Protein backbone atom coordinates (compact mmCIF):
# COMPACT_ATOMS: atom_id res chain seq x y z
CA UNK A 1 165.79 160.70 10.12
CA UNK A 2 165.60 163.16 7.34
CA UNK A 3 165.02 161.78 3.90
CA UNK A 4 166.76 163.87 0.96
CA UNK A 5 165.15 163.83 -2.40
CA UNK A 6 167.39 163.85 -5.52
CA UNK A 7 166.53 166.80 -7.40
CA UNK A 8 165.08 166.05 -10.89
CA UNK A 9 167.67 166.75 -13.67
CA UNK A 10 167.16 170.12 -15.52
CA UNK A 11 167.66 170.62 -19.09
CA UNK A 12 170.94 172.44 -18.29
CA UNK A 13 172.43 169.57 -16.37
CA UNK A 14 171.45 166.93 -18.81
CA UNK A 15 173.02 168.98 -21.72
CA UNK A 16 176.30 169.30 -19.64
CA UNK A 17 176.31 165.52 -19.08
CA UNK A 18 175.75 165.04 -22.82
CA UNK A 19 178.42 167.40 -23.66
CA UNK A 20 181.06 165.75 -21.37
CA UNK A 21 180.09 162.31 -22.52
CA UNK A 22 180.53 163.61 -26.16
CA UNK A 23 183.86 165.07 -25.50
CA UNK A 24 184.93 161.97 -23.80
CA UNK A 25 184.11 159.91 -26.87
CA UNK A 26 185.89 162.35 -29.18
CA UNK A 27 189.02 162.12 -27.24
CA UNK A 28 189.01 158.29 -27.27
CA UNK A 29 188.34 158.31 -30.99
CA UNK A 30 191.04 160.80 -31.53
CA UNK A 31 193.51 158.70 -29.39
CA UNK A 32 192.79 155.63 -31.66
CA UNK A 33 193.44 157.61 -34.86
CA UNK A 34 196.52 159.48 -33.92
CA UNK A 35 198.81 156.43 -33.66
CA UNK A 36 197.60 155.30 -37.03
CA UNK A 37 198.33 158.61 -38.81
CA UNK A 38 201.87 158.76 -37.27
CA UNK A 39 202.76 155.35 -38.67
CA UNK A 40 201.22 155.62 -42.15
CA UNK A 41 203.52 155.49 -45.10
CA UNK A 42 204.12 158.45 -46.93
CA UNK A 43 202.14 158.96 -50.05
CA UNK A 44 203.81 158.57 -53.48
CA UNK A 45 203.64 161.33 -55.83
CA UNK A 46 201.48 160.83 -58.88
CA UNK A 47 202.64 162.11 -62.42
CA UNK A 48 201.65 165.60 -62.90
CA UNK A 49 201.55 168.50 -65.30
CA UNK A 50 199.58 166.16 -67.93
CA UNK A 51 197.90 167.24 -71.07
CA UNK A 52 196.23 165.38 -73.93
CA UNK A 53 194.88 166.10 -77.48
CA UNK A 54 194.13 164.69 -80.85
CA UNK A 55 196.67 163.61 -83.34
CA UNK A 56 193.90 163.10 -86.03
CA UNK A 57 190.23 161.53 -85.85
CA UNK A 58 191.55 158.05 -84.81
CA UNK A 59 194.53 158.81 -82.55
CA UNK A 60 194.98 160.74 -79.28
CA UNK A 61 198.20 161.55 -77.45
CA UNK A 62 198.70 162.08 -73.86
CA UNK A 63 201.88 163.66 -72.09
CA UNK A 64 202.91 163.98 -68.37
CA UNK A 65 206.00 166.10 -67.63
CA UNK A 66 206.82 165.39 -63.92
CA UNK A 67 206.32 163.07 -60.91
CA UNK A 68 206.27 159.17 -60.91
CA UNK A 69 203.57 156.63 -60.97
CA UNK A 70 201.37 155.05 -63.57
CA UNK A 71 198.68 156.72 -65.64
CA UNK A 72 196.32 155.75 -68.39
CA UNK A 73 195.03 157.55 -71.72
CA UNK A 74 191.67 156.08 -72.80
CA UNK A 75 190.05 156.91 -76.00
CA UNK A 76 186.17 156.31 -76.42
CA UNK A 77 185.41 155.24 -79.96
CA UNK A 78 182.15 155.82 -82.08
CA UNK A 79 181.83 152.13 -83.43
CA UNK A 80 184.06 150.31 -80.99
CA UNK A 81 183.87 150.75 -77.21
CA UNK A 82 187.09 152.08 -75.84
CA UNK A 83 190.72 151.47 -76.04
CA UNK A 84 193.24 152.32 -73.16
CA UNK A 85 197.01 152.80 -73.27
CA UNK A 86 199.17 152.55 -70.06
CA UNK A 87 202.15 154.82 -68.99
CA UNK A 88 204.58 154.86 -66.19
CA UNK A 89 206.38 157.99 -65.03
CA UNK A 90 206.70 161.05 -67.13
CA UNK A 91 206.47 160.80 -70.87
CA UNK A 92 203.99 160.27 -73.87
CA UNK A 93 201.72 157.62 -74.74
CA UNK A 94 199.06 157.13 -77.65
CA UNK A 95 195.67 155.48 -77.92
CA UNK A 96 193.75 154.93 -81.24
CA UNK A 97 190.41 153.89 -82.36
CA UNK A 98 190.50 151.43 -85.37
CA UNK A 99 189.15 152.86 -88.80
CA UNK A 100 186.45 153.61 -89.80
CA UNK A 101 185.60 154.56 -86.01
CA UNK A 102 186.79 157.87 -84.60
CA UNK A 103 187.29 159.22 -81.07
CA UNK A 104 184.34 160.55 -79.20
CA UNK A 105 185.97 161.32 -75.75
CA UNK A 106 189.75 161.37 -74.39
CA UNK A 107 190.21 160.49 -70.68
CA UNK A 108 193.68 160.85 -68.89
CA UNK A 109 193.87 159.50 -65.49
CA UNK A 110 196.82 159.24 -63.12
CA UNK A 111 197.12 156.80 -60.26
CA UNK A 112 199.56 156.94 -57.24
């Protein structure tokens, strides 16, 4: 009876096995993600074409021209923290710092 020895794996055969198992794992992961992407709800459009500026040292304005959704205009005040105004859909909003404080920063953020 002849006994056959199993050859020792080489770096080439080991790399090939790793590649095949990695590809199989990637296919399984892709198969799990694709149905989720197909059934995801469409993203809503945020307001866009927005700008902001100073009315004076105490008051800032924000304006968005198009899209839909909510947005905020926050002014950071020198003496008194921050004050935020809230807007929905296109339009203008204002935020102010109480006197004698003045605006140190203006932040306009849009949400979907």
